Each structure stands twice: as structure tokens, then as C-alpha cells.
N, C-alpha and C. Protein backbone atom coordinates (compact mmCIF):
# COMPACT_ATOMS: atom_id res chain seq x y z
N UNK A 1 -22.96 89.73 38.07
CA UNK A 1 -22.94 88.95 37.46
C UNK A 1 -23.37 86.93 37.78
N UNK A 2 -24.22 86.53 37.64
CA UNK A 2 -24.39 84.81 38.20
C UNK A 2 -23.24 84.32 38.24
N UNK A 3 -22.69 84.54 36.80
CA UNK A 3 -21.15 83.39 37.40
C UNK A 3 -20.18 84.34 38.83
N UNK A 4 -19.94 85.11 38.85
CA UNK A 4 -19.26 85.84 40.08
C UNK A 4 -19.87 85.38 40.75
N UNK A 5 -21.36 85.61 41.28
CA UNK A 5 -22.05 85.27 42.46
C UNK A 5 -21.70 83.72 42.90
N UNK A 6 -21.35 82.72 41.98
CA UNK A 6 -21.42 81.41 41.92
C UNK A 6 -19.70 81.06 42.52
N UNK A 7 -18.80 82.10 42.37
CA UNK A 7 -17.34 82.30 42.74
C UNK A 7 -16.31 81.73 41.72
N UNK A 8 -16.89 82.21 40.55
CA UNK A 8 -16.40 81.97 39.65
C UNK A 8 -14.84 83.79 39.12
N UNK A 9 -13.98 83.40 39.07
CA UNK A 9 -13.45 84.76 39.06
C UNK A 9 -12.86 84.98 37.14
N UNK A 10 -12.22 86.53 37.27
CA UNK A 10 -11.82 86.53 36.33
C UNK A 10 -13.32 86.48 35.36
N UNK A 11 -14.13 87.06 35.60
CA UNK A 11 -15.33 86.84 34.39
C UNK A 11 -15.11 88.21 33.45
N UNK A 12 -15.55 87.74 32.66
CA UNK A 12 -15.73 89.60 31.10
C UNK A 12 -16.32 88.91 30.16
N UNK A 13 -17.43 89.96 29.81
CA UNK A 13 -18.09 90.34 28.11
C UNK A 13 -17.91 90.14 27.98
N UNK A 14 -17.43 90.11 26.30
CA UNK A 14 -16.29 90.22 24.54
C UNK A 14 -17.52 90.20 24.23
N UNK A 15 -18.02 90.94 23.69
CA UNK A 15 -18.62 90.55 22.79
C UNK A 15 -19.82 89.25 22.71
N UNK A 16 -20.83 89.14 24.16
CA UNK A 16 -21.60 87.69 23.27
C UNK A 16 -21.03 87.31 24.58
N UNK A 17 -19.62 86.83 24.53
CA UNK A 17 -18.66 85.25 24.81
C UNK A 17 -18.54 86.34 25.82
N UNK A 18 -18.51 85.14 27.80
CA UNK A 18 -18.28 85.47 28.91
C UNK A 18 -17.02 84.44 28.42
N UNK A 19 -16.08 84.85 29.61
CA UNK A 19 -14.63 84.23 29.96
C UNK A 19 -14.95 84.66 31.20
N UNK A 20 -13.90 82.87 31.87
CA UNK A 20 -14.42 83.44 33.57
C UNK A 20 -13.21 82.31 33.74
N UNK A 21 -12.59 83.15 34.63
CA UNK A 21 -12.04 80.82 35.73
C UNK A 21 -12.47 80.51 36.68
N UNK A 22 -12.21 79.32 36.86
CA UNK A 22 -12.52 78.16 37.69
C UNK A 22 -11.97 78.79 38.89
N UNK A 23 -11.18 78.96 38.86
CA UNK A 23 -10.64 79.75 40.21
C UNK A 23 -9.42 80.86 39.38
N UNK A 24 -8.29 81.83 40.32
CA UNK A 24 -7.32 82.77 40.07
C UNK A 24 -6.54 82.56 38.85
N UNK A 25 -6.61 81.30 39.86
CA UNK A 25 -4.92 80.47 38.84
C UNK A 25 -5.30 79.63 37.56
N UNK A 26 -6.59 78.59 37.63
CA UNK A 26 -6.73 77.82 36.75
C UNK A 26 -7.87 78.06 35.37
N UNK A 27 -7.57 77.34 34.94
CA UNK A 27 -7.99 77.53 33.28
C UNK A 27 -9.13 78.85 32.65
N UNK A 28 -9.10 79.11 31.70
CA UNK A 28 -10.53 79.81 31.34
C UNK A 28 -11.32 79.12 31.11
N UNK A 29 -12.65 79.41 31.01
CA UNK A 29 -13.63 78.33 30.66
C UNK A 29 -14.71 80.01 29.92
N UNK A 30 -15.24 79.85 28.66
CA UNK A 30 -16.31 80.38 28.30
C UNK A 30 -17.84 79.66 29.02
N UNK A 31 -18.27 81.23 28.54
CA UNK A 31 -20.38 80.40 28.23
C UNK A 31 -21.11 81.83 27.37
N UNK A 32 -21.58 80.70 26.15
CA UNK A 32 -22.18 82.42 25.45
C UNK A 32 -23.77 81.39 25.47
N UNK A 33 -24.35 82.43 25.80
CA UNK A 33 -26.19 82.96 25.36
C UNK A 33 -26.77 82.08 24.26
N UNK A 34 -27.28 80.67 25.13
CA UNK A 34 -28.47 79.45 24.16
C UNK A 34 -29.46 79.90 24.70
N UNK A 35 -30.18 81.33 24.07
CA UNK A 35 -31.81 81.20 24.92
C UNK A 35 -31.92 81.20 26.25
N UNK A 36 -32.51 80.46 26.86
CA UNK A 36 -32.50 81.17 28.43
C UNK A 36 -30.80 79.80 29.17
N UNK A 37 -30.36 80.37 28.97
CA UNK A 37 -29.46 78.47 29.25
C UNK A 37 -28.43 79.43 28.59
N UNK A 38 -26.86 79.03 29.14
CA UNK A 38 -25.47 79.12 28.70
C UNK A 38 -24.94 77.49 28.37
N UNK A 39 -24.33 77.76 26.68
CA UNK A 39 -23.40 77.12 27.25
C UNK A 39 -21.88 76.96 27.74
N UNK A 40 -21.89 76.19 28.33
CA UNK A 40 -20.06 76.54 28.74
C UNK A 40 -19.20 75.42 27.94
N UNK A 41 -18.14 75.75 27.95
CA UNK A 41 -16.97 75.51 27.68
C UNK A 41 -15.51 74.83 27.92
N UNK A 42 -14.83 74.28 28.44
CA UNK A 42 -14.25 74.52 28.27
C UNK A 42 -12.43 73.39 27.51
N UNK A 43 -11.69 73.96 27.30
CA UNK A 43 -10.35 72.88 26.11
C UNK A 43 -9.63 72.58 27.20
N UNK A 44 -8.79 71.69 27.01
CA UNK A 44 -7.56 71.71 27.46
C UNK A 44 -6.71 70.83 26.66
N UNK A 45 -5.56 71.47 26.01
CA UNK A 45 -4.28 71.08 24.41
C UNK A 45 -4.08 69.94 24.66
N UNK A 46 -5.10 68.99 24.54
CA UNK A 46 -4.25 67.49 24.64
C UNK A 46 -5.53 67.10 23.12
N UNK A 47 -5.02 65.66 22.64
CA UNK A 47 -6.19 65.17 21.44
C UNK A 47 -6.34 63.93 22.55
N UNK A 48 -8.10 63.97 22.69
CA UNK A 48 -8.53 62.66 23.40
C UNK A 48 -8.99 61.62 22.62
N UNK A 49 -8.80 60.34 22.16
CA UNK A 49 -8.84 59.38 21.37
C UNK A 49 -10.53 59.40 21.34
N UNK A 50 -11.14 59.06 20.02
CA UNK A 50 -12.47 58.20 20.11
C UNK A 50 -12.58 57.05 21.44
N UNK A 51 -12.30 56.56 21.65
CA UNK A 51 -11.76 55.21 22.71
C UNK A 51 -12.39 56.11 24.68
N UNK A 52 -11.23 57.31 24.58
CA UNK A 52 -11.90 57.92 25.66
C UNK A 52 -12.81 58.83 26.03
N UNK A 53 -12.94 59.63 24.69
CA UNK A 53 -14.02 60.24 24.46
C UNK A 53 -14.91 59.64 25.02
N UNK A 54 -15.12 58.67 24.64
CA UNK A 54 -17.06 57.44 24.69
C UNK A 54 -16.78 57.14 26.26
N UNK A 55 -15.96 56.75 26.90
CA UNK A 55 -15.40 56.54 28.67
C UNK A 55 -15.52 57.89 29.26
N UNK A 56 -15.49 59.26 28.57
CA UNK A 56 -15.94 60.53 29.13
C UNK A 56 -17.60 60.40 29.29
N UNK A 57 -17.92 60.37 27.57
CA UNK A 57 -19.24 59.61 27.93
C UNK A 57 -20.09 58.59 28.75
N UNK A 58 -20.07 58.46 29.42
CA UNK A 58 -20.25 57.48 29.92
C UNK A 58 -20.52 57.45 31.39
N UNK A 59 -18.86 58.09 31.68
CA UNK A 59 -19.04 58.80 33.19
C UNK A 59 -19.93 60.76 33.15
N UNK A 60 -20.67 61.18 32.23
CA UNK A 60 -20.79 62.49 32.15
C UNK A 60 -21.43 62.56 30.90
N UNK A 61 -23.02 62.48 31.55
CA UNK A 61 -23.89 62.00 30.71
C UNK A 61 -23.91 63.24 29.94
N UNK A 62 -23.99 63.92 30.25
CA UNK A 62 -24.39 66.04 30.49
C UNK A 62 -23.54 67.21 29.94
N UNK A 63 -22.67 66.26 29.88
CA UNK A 63 -21.70 66.89 30.01
C UNK A 63 -20.83 66.25 28.02
N UNK A 64 -20.47 66.71 26.89
CA UNK A 64 -20.41 65.80 26.73
C UNK A 64 -18.78 66.25 25.78
N UNK A 65 -17.69 65.26 25.68
CA UNK A 65 -15.88 65.53 24.88
C UNK A 65 -16.33 65.80 23.48
N UNK A 66 -16.30 66.95 22.74
CA UNK A 66 -14.95 66.11 21.57
C UNK A 66 -14.00 67.40 20.97
N UNK A 67 -13.94 67.25 19.95
CA UNK A 67 -12.08 67.12 19.67
C UNK A 67 -12.32 68.79 18.85
N UNK A 68 -11.68 70.07 19.73
CA UNK A 68 -12.41 71.32 19.52
C UNK A 68 -10.79 72.54 18.79
N UNK A 69 -10.74 72.49 17.25
CA UNK A 69 -9.57 73.37 17.16
C UNK A 69 -8.53 72.77 17.88
N UNK A 70 -8.32 71.21 17.70
CA UNK A 70 -7.38 70.09 17.39
C UNK A 70 -7.26 70.06 18.75
N UNK A 71 -8.11 70.70 20.19
CA UNK A 71 -8.07 70.52 21.65
C UNK A 71 -9.08 69.62 21.93
N UNK A 72 -9.16 69.18 23.28
CA UNK A 72 -10.14 68.14 24.52
C UNK A 72 -10.73 69.08 24.84
N UNK A 73 -12.63 69.44 23.72
CA UNK A 73 -13.42 70.07 24.26
C UNK A 73 -14.68 68.90 25.31
N UNK A 74 -14.79 70.22 26.27
CA UNK A 74 -16.73 69.58 26.95
C UNK A 74 -16.59 70.77 27.08
N UNK A 75 -18.47 70.31 26.63
CA UNK A 75 -19.68 71.62 27.42
C UNK A 75 -20.29 70.84 28.03
N UNK A 76 -21.23 72.41 28.58
CA UNK A 76 -22.03 72.04 28.64
C UNK A 76 -23.42 72.83 28.69
N UNK A 77 -24.83 72.60 28.84
CA UNK A 77 -25.83 73.39 29.12
C UNK A 77 -26.11 73.37 30.59
N UNK A 78 -26.42 74.76 30.93
CA UNK A 78 -27.23 75.16 32.04
C UNK A 78 -27.73 76.36 32.45
N UNK A 79 -29.05 76.27 32.38
CA UNK A 79 -29.83 77.42 32.66
C UNK A 79 -29.22 78.58 33.48
N UNK A 80 -29.12 79.70 32.53
CA UNK A 80 -28.47 81.38 32.95
C UNK A 80 -29.06 81.14 34.83
N UNK A 81 -27.94 81.72 35.61
CA UNK A 81 -28.18 81.81 37.20
C UNK A 81 -28.13 80.62 37.74
N UNK A 82 -28.33 79.71 37.20
CA UNK A 82 -28.14 77.98 38.32
C UNK A 82 -26.84 78.34 39.11
N UNK A 83 -27.52 78.55 40.07
CA UNK A 83 -26.65 78.18 41.28
C UNK A 83 -25.65 76.61 41.04
N UNK A 84 -26.53 76.57 41.79
CA UNK A 84 -26.62 74.60 41.41
C UNK A 84 -25.49 73.89 40.18
N UNK A 85 -26.39 74.41 38.86
CA UNK A 85 -25.96 73.91 38.03
C UNK A 85 -23.90 74.31 38.12
N UNK A 86 -24.20 75.98 38.15
CA UNK A 86 -23.15 76.31 37.64
C UNK A 86 -21.58 75.16 38.55
N UNK A 87 -22.18 74.75 40.13
CA UNK A 87 -21.49 74.64 40.41
C UNK A 87 -21.27 73.14 40.59
N UNK A 88 -22.00 72.76 39.94
CA UNK A 88 -21.87 71.38 39.32
C UNK A 88 -20.70 71.38 37.39
N UNK A 89 -21.23 72.42 37.25
CA UNK A 89 -20.32 72.54 35.84
C UNK A 89 -18.52 72.59 36.73
N UNK A 90 -18.58 73.56 37.90
CA UNK A 90 -16.60 73.38 38.08
C UNK A 90 -15.99 72.46 38.33
N UNK A 91 -17.35 71.38 39.11
CA UNK A 91 -16.78 70.39 39.47
C UNK A 91 -16.77 69.69 37.89
N UNK A 92 -16.99 69.24 36.75
CA UNK A 92 -17.57 69.00 36.21
C UNK A 92 -16.52 69.11 35.18
N UNK A 93 -15.79 70.74 34.91
CA UNK A 93 -14.57 70.98 34.61
C UNK A 93 -13.17 71.13 34.90
N UNK A 94 -13.39 70.77 36.61
CA UNK A 94 -12.04 70.70 37.36
C UNK A 94 -12.02 68.47 37.03
N UNK A 95 -12.24 68.59 36.64
CA UNK A 95 -13.00 66.29 36.29
C UNK A 95 -12.56 66.63 35.06
N UNK A 96 -12.32 67.33 33.62
CA UNK A 96 -11.74 67.40 32.60
C UNK A 96 -10.52 67.67 32.60
N UNK A 97 -10.00 68.48 33.29
CA UNK A 97 -8.77 69.10 32.57
C UNK A 97 -8.14 67.68 34.34
N UNK A 98 -8.83 67.15 34.96
CA UNK A 98 -7.16 66.36 35.49
C UNK A 98 -7.59 65.38 34.34
N UNK A 99 -8.30 64.97 34.12
CA UNK A 99 -8.22 63.85 33.36
C UNK A 99 -7.36 64.00 32.04
N UNK A 100 -7.62 65.41 31.14
CA UNK A 100 -6.46 65.56 30.32
C UNK A 100 -5.66 65.80 30.25
N UNK A 101 -4.94 66.48 31.64
CA UNK A 101 -2.96 65.99 32.29
C UNK A 101 -2.57 65.03 32.68
N UNK A 102 -4.06 64.09 32.95
CA UNK A 102 -3.24 62.30 32.67
C UNK A 102 -3.06 61.45 31.65
N UNK A 103 -4.46 62.07 30.83
CA UNK A 103 -3.99 61.83 29.33
C UNK A 103 -2.57 61.85 28.59
N UNK A 104 -2.16 63.47 28.67
CA UNK A 104 -0.76 63.84 28.47
C UNK A 104 0.05 63.22 29.18
N UNK A 105 0.04 62.64 29.67
CA UNK A 105 0.74 62.56 30.86
C UNK A 105 1.41 61.18 30.11
N UNK A 106 0.50 60.64 29.69
CA UNK A 106 0.40 58.76 29.04
C UNK A 106 1.19 59.37 28.73
N UNK A 107 0.99 60.39 27.48
CA UNK A 107 1.65 59.83 25.54
C UNK A 107 2.58 60.59 25.74
N UNK A 108 3.82 61.21 27.07
CA UNK A 108 5.53 61.85 27.10
C UNK A 108 5.62 60.12 27.23
N UNK A 109 6.50 60.20 26.02
CA UNK A 109 7.63 59.63 25.34
C UNK A 109 9.00 59.49 27.67
N UNK A 110 9.76 58.26 27.69
CA UNK A 110 10.53 58.61 28.46
C UNK A 110 11.03 59.63 28.62
N UNK A 111 11.39 60.72 29.52
CA UNK A 111 12.08 61.46 29.61
C UNK A 111 12.76 63.11 28.89
N UNK A 112 11.26 62.71 28.82
CA UNK A 112 10.19 63.99 28.41
C UNK A 112 10.01 64.49 29.30
N UNK A 113 9.85 66.39 29.49
CA UNK A 113 9.37 66.79 30.13
C UNK A 113 8.22 66.86 31.24
N UNK A 114 8.40 67.69 32.40
CA UNK A 114 6.73 68.26 32.34
C UNK A 114 6.20 69.01 31.55
């Protein structure tokens, strides 16, 4: 499968929704078939503000961010098996997770744990 060949791990097909990880201890993302493409999505348990979503869109116009099921989500549509696009997805997904972690840390009250 193209996701495994591109270096993703934990790839499993769950009735048309493919689950995979960026690497073994990383966050899970999903891939859904849409015609000849995959719609890739990753979520993080923080709620980005509208300003943060706009800033993200400026920097990543091909990877829209929204709020889905009360979490911040980034999606990207890529051609199935396009290894270059899958590597770009990995970089975008990592950037999204890193940004969400920074946003969550900025929300913490003084003295709040990790």
C-alpha cells in the first residue's frame, strides 16, 4: 500500500477509512478515498481560534484547517499513491501538531501541569 511505502506506520483499513501514523509514537491520521484522491485528515485536542485558522490558511493554502468534533483538524487532498504529496502531507501534519501544542501551552493557567 502506498502509505506504507511512503514510510507511514500502523496502516489499517477500517471499512473504507484508512488509519495510519506519521511514525510509531506519533498522532494518528485518516485517509478516505474520494475518487482518484485521498482526503487526509489529522486532528488535535485544542480548539483554534478563527484568527489562528486564518493565519494557518495563509501559510498552508493547500491544507485547510477547521474545527471538527470540537478539535482542530487539518485536511489535505492528494492523489492516491503520490509519494511526493504524501511526504508533503507528513510535513504539514507535523507542523499542525507542533502549532496546536504551542497554542495549547499558551492557553494554560500559571502552574497548570504539562
